[in-house]
Amino acid sequence: MNKVKVELCMGSSCFARGNSKALENIESYIKENHLEDFVELEGHLCLGNCKNGPNIKINGISFEGLDPDCLVDLVERELNK
């Protein structure tokens, strides 16, 4: 299983646009599936593209305007590469 780095923008704009829910979703997923050694979760105050948020990076690839419910699917895909 590959290790996945997930970076969430926690700036006020991205947080309000869905990253608060994305954070809840990914934290629950990691805990429920015992993936603490395989998913590195990191928060940032700003990823620099507020107008297109919420902004997330997965293994260095940027995602903008991502529905918070899609985050787990993207992480699962990266884990299974």
N, C-alpha and C. Protein backbone atom coordinates (compact mmCIF):
# COMPACT_ATOMS: atom_id res chain seq x y z
N MET A 1 0.85 -1.18 0.00
CA MET A 1 0.00 0.00 0.00
C MET A 1 0.89 1.23 0.00
N ASN A 2 0.57 2.19 -0.86
CA ASN A 2 1.34 3.43 -0.96
C ASN A 2 1.00 4.38 0.17
N LYS A 3 1.96 5.21 0.54
CA LYS A 3 1.71 6.26 1.52
C LYS A 3 1.18 7.48 0.77
N VAL A 4 0.17 8.13 1.35
CA VAL A 4 -0.48 9.25 0.71
C VAL A 4 -0.37 10.48 1.63
N LYS A 5 0.03 11.60 1.02
CA LYS A 5 0.08 12.87 1.75
C LYS A 5 -1.11 13.72 1.31
N VAL A 6 -1.94 14.09 2.28
CA VAL A 6 -3.13 14.91 2.03
C VAL A 6 -2.92 16.26 2.71
N GLU A 7 -3.00 17.33 1.92
CA GLU A 7 -2.85 18.67 2.46
C GLU A 7 -4.16 19.42 2.26
N LEU A 8 -4.70 19.91 3.36
CA LEU A 8 -5.97 20.65 3.32
C LEU A 8 -5.71 22.11 3.63
N CYS A 9 -6.33 22.98 2.85
CA CYS A 9 -6.30 24.40 3.17
C CYS A 9 -7.30 24.63 4.28
N MET A 10 -6.84 25.22 5.37
CA MET A 10 -7.71 25.48 6.51
C MET A 10 -7.99 26.98 6.66
N GLY A 11 -7.66 27.75 5.62
CA GLY A 11 -7.98 29.17 5.62
C GLY A 11 -9.49 29.36 5.70
N SER A 12 -9.92 30.51 6.14
CA SER A 12 -11.35 30.72 6.40
C SER A 12 -12.23 30.47 5.18
N SER A 13 -11.79 30.87 4.00
CA SER A 13 -12.60 30.68 2.80
C SER A 13 -12.76 29.20 2.46
N CYS A 14 -11.67 28.47 2.41
CA CYS A 14 -11.72 27.04 2.08
C CYS A 14 -12.42 26.24 3.19
N PHE A 15 -12.17 26.62 4.43
CA PHE A 15 -12.80 25.92 5.54
C PHE A 15 -14.31 26.04 5.47
N ALA A 16 -14.79 27.26 5.17
CA ALA A 16 -16.23 27.51 5.08
C ALA A 16 -16.85 26.86 3.84
N ARG A 17 -16.07 26.70 2.79
CA ARG A 17 -16.58 26.14 1.53
C ARG A 17 -16.58 24.61 1.49
N GLY A 18 -16.12 23.98 2.55
CA GLY A 18 -16.21 22.53 2.57
C GLY A 18 -15.06 21.78 3.19
N ASN A 19 -13.94 22.44 3.43
CA ASN A 19 -12.82 21.70 3.99
C ASN A 19 -13.03 21.33 5.45
N SER A 20 -13.97 21.98 6.13
CA SER A 20 -14.29 21.53 7.49
C SER A 20 -14.89 20.13 7.43
N LYS A 21 -15.79 19.89 6.48
CA LYS A 21 -16.39 18.56 6.30
C LYS A 21 -15.37 17.59 5.72
N ALA A 22 -14.53 18.04 4.80
CA ALA A 22 -13.50 17.18 4.23
C ALA A 22 -12.56 16.68 5.33
N LEU A 23 -12.21 17.56 6.26
CA LEU A 23 -11.34 17.19 7.37
C LEU A 23 -12.01 16.12 8.23
N GLU A 24 -13.27 16.32 8.56
CA GLU A 24 -14.01 15.32 9.34
C GLU A 24 -14.04 13.98 8.62
N ASN A 25 -14.34 14.02 7.32
CA ASN A 25 -14.44 12.79 6.52
C ASN A 25 -13.13 12.03 6.50
N ILE A 26 -12.03 12.73 6.24
CA ILE A 26 -10.76 12.03 6.08
C ILE A 26 -10.23 11.54 7.43
N GLU A 27 -10.44 12.31 8.48
CA GLU A 27 -10.01 11.86 9.81
C GLU A 27 -10.77 10.59 10.22
N SER A 28 -12.07 10.56 9.97
CA SER A 28 -12.87 9.37 10.29
C SER A 28 -12.42 8.18 9.48
N TYR A 29 -12.20 8.39 8.19
CA TYR A 29 -11.76 7.32 7.30
C TYR A 29 -10.43 6.73 7.76
N ILE A 30 -9.48 7.60 8.09
CA ILE A 30 -8.17 7.14 8.55
C ILE A 30 -8.30 6.31 9.82
N LYS A 31 -9.06 6.82 10.77
CA LYS A 31 -9.21 6.13 12.06
C LYS A 31 -9.95 4.81 11.91
N GLU A 32 -11.06 4.81 11.19
CA GLU A 32 -11.88 3.60 11.04
C GLU A 32 -11.15 2.49 10.30
N ASN A 33 -10.23 2.86 9.42
CA ASN A 33 -9.51 1.87 8.61
C ASN A 33 -8.07 1.65 9.07
N HIS A 34 -7.71 2.24 10.21
CA HIS A 34 -6.39 2.08 10.80
C HIS A 34 -5.28 2.40 9.79
N LEU A 35 -5.41 3.56 9.16
CA LEU A 35 -4.48 3.97 8.11
C LEU A 35 -3.50 5.06 8.56
N GLU A 36 -3.33 5.19 9.85
CA GLU A 36 -2.47 6.24 10.38
C GLU A 36 -1.05 6.17 9.83
N ASP A 37 -0.56 4.98 9.52
CA ASP A 37 0.79 4.82 8.98
C ASP A 37 0.86 5.02 7.47
N PHE A 38 -0.31 5.14 6.83
CA PHE A 38 -0.35 5.22 5.37
C PHE A 38 -0.87 6.55 4.83
N VAL A 39 -1.51 7.34 5.68
CA VAL A 39 -2.04 8.63 5.24
C VAL A 39 -1.49 9.71 6.16
N GLU A 40 -0.75 10.64 5.56
CA GLU A 40 -0.22 11.79 6.29
C GLU A 40 -1.15 12.97 6.02
N LEU A 41 -1.71 13.51 7.07
CA LEU A 41 -2.66 14.61 6.96
C LEU A 41 -2.01 15.88 7.46
N GLU A 42 -2.07 16.92 6.64
CA GLU A 42 -1.41 18.19 6.97
C GLU A 42 -2.35 19.34 6.64
N GLY A 43 -2.43 20.31 7.54
CA GLY A 43 -3.25 21.50 7.31
C GLY A 43 -2.38 22.70 7.02
N HIS A 44 -2.90 23.59 6.20
CA HIS A 44 -2.21 24.84 5.85
C HIS A 44 -3.16 26.01 6.06
N LEU A 45 -2.60 27.15 6.38
CA LEU A 45 -3.44 28.34 6.51
C LEU A 45 -3.93 28.82 5.16
N CYS A 46 -3.16 28.60 4.12
CA CYS A 46 -3.59 29.00 2.78
C CYS A 46 -2.76 28.25 1.75
N LEU A 47 -3.44 27.75 0.72
CA LEU A 47 -2.73 27.11 -0.39
C LEU A 47 -2.66 28.04 -1.60
N GLY A 48 -3.11 29.29 -1.43
CA GLY A 48 -2.86 30.31 -2.43
C GLY A 48 -3.85 30.46 -3.57
N ASN A 49 -5.00 29.85 -3.48
CA ASN A 49 -5.97 29.97 -4.57
C ASN A 49 -7.38 30.07 -4.00
N CYS A 50 -7.57 31.02 -3.11
CA CYS A 50 -8.81 31.14 -2.34
C CYS A 50 -10.07 31.20 -3.19
N LYS A 51 -10.02 31.90 -4.31
CA LYS A 51 -11.23 32.09 -5.11
C LYS A 51 -11.77 30.80 -5.72
N ASN A 52 -10.92 29.76 -5.82
CA ASN A 52 -11.34 28.49 -6.41
C ASN A 52 -11.51 27.38 -5.39
N GLY A 53 -11.51 27.73 -4.11
CA GLY A 53 -11.57 26.73 -3.04
C GLY A 53 -12.88 25.99 -2.95
N PRO A 54 -12.91 24.98 -2.14
CA PRO A 54 -11.86 24.56 -1.22
C PRO A 54 -10.70 23.86 -1.94
N ASN A 55 -9.51 24.12 -1.43
CA ASN A 55 -8.29 23.61 -2.05
C ASN A 55 -7.69 22.48 -1.23
N ILE A 56 -7.28 21.45 -1.96
CA ILE A 56 -6.69 20.26 -1.35
C ILE A 56 -5.56 19.79 -2.26
N LYS A 57 -4.50 19.26 -1.67
CA LYS A 57 -3.44 18.61 -2.43
C LYS A 57 -3.34 17.16 -1.96
N ILE A 58 -3.19 16.27 -2.93
CA ILE A 58 -2.98 14.86 -2.62
C ILE A 58 -1.72 14.44 -3.37
N ASN A 59 -0.70 14.08 -2.61
CA ASN A 59 0.60 13.73 -3.18
C ASN A 59 1.09 14.79 -4.18
N GLY A 60 0.90 16.05 -3.80
CA GLY A 60 1.41 17.16 -4.60
C GLY A 60 0.50 17.61 -5.73
N ILE A 61 -0.57 16.90 -5.99
CA ILE A 61 -1.51 17.27 -7.05
C ILE A 61 -2.62 18.13 -6.44
N SER A 62 -2.84 19.31 -7.01
CA SER A 62 -3.83 20.25 -6.48
C SER A 62 -5.23 19.95 -7.02
N PHE A 63 -6.20 20.08 -6.13
CA PHE A 63 -7.61 19.96 -6.47
C PHE A 63 -8.30 21.21 -5.97
N GLU A 64 -9.15 21.78 -6.81
CA GLU A 64 -9.87 23.01 -6.47
C GLU A 64 -11.36 22.75 -6.54
N GLY A 65 -12.11 23.37 -5.64
CA GLY A 65 -13.56 23.27 -5.67
C GLY A 65 -14.05 21.84 -5.46
N LEU A 66 -13.28 21.05 -4.77
CA LEU A 66 -13.58 19.64 -4.58
C LEU A 66 -14.72 19.45 -3.59
N ASP A 67 -15.67 18.61 -3.94
CA ASP A 67 -16.74 18.24 -3.02
C ASP A 67 -16.10 17.45 -1.88
N PRO A 68 -16.38 17.82 -0.63
CA PRO A 68 -15.75 17.15 0.51
C PRO A 68 -15.99 15.64 0.54
N ASP A 69 -17.09 15.19 -0.04
CA ASP A 69 -17.41 13.77 -0.02
C ASP A 69 -16.55 12.97 -1.01
N CYS A 70 -15.85 13.64 -1.91
CA CYS A 70 -14.99 12.96 -2.89
C CYS A 70 -13.60 12.68 -2.35
N LEU A 71 -13.22 13.32 -1.28
CA LEU A 71 -11.85 13.22 -0.78
C LEU A 71 -11.47 11.79 -0.43
N VAL A 72 -12.34 11.07 0.24
CA VAL A 72 -12.02 9.69 0.62
C VAL A 72 -11.79 8.83 -0.62
N ASP A 73 -12.61 9.00 -1.64
CA ASP A 73 -12.43 8.24 -2.88
C ASP A 73 -11.07 8.51 -3.51
N LEU A 74 -10.67 9.77 -3.52
CA LEU A 74 -9.36 10.13 -4.11
C LEU A 74 -8.21 9.52 -3.31
N VAL A 75 -8.33 9.54 -1.99
CA VAL A 75 -7.28 8.97 -1.15
C VAL A 75 -7.23 7.45 -1.34
N GLU A 76 -8.38 6.80 -1.41
CA GLU A 76 -8.40 5.35 -1.65
C GLU A 76 -7.72 5.00 -2.97
N ARG A 77 -7.98 5.80 -3.98
CA ARG A 77 -7.36 5.57 -5.28
C ARG A 77 -5.84 5.66 -5.18
N GLU A 78 -5.35 6.66 -4.46
CA GLU A 78 -3.90 6.82 -4.30
C GLU A 78 -3.28 5.68 -3.48
N LEU A 79 -4.00 5.23 -2.47
CA LEU A 79 -3.49 4.14 -1.64
C LEU A 79 -3.33 2.85 -2.44
N ASN A 80 -4.19 2.66 -3.41
CA ASN A 80 -4.22 1.41 -4.17
C ASN A 80 -3.40 1.43 -5.46
N LYS A 81 -2.66 2.49 -5.69
CA LYS A 81 -1.83 2.57 -6.91
C LYS A 81 -0.68 1.59 -6.83
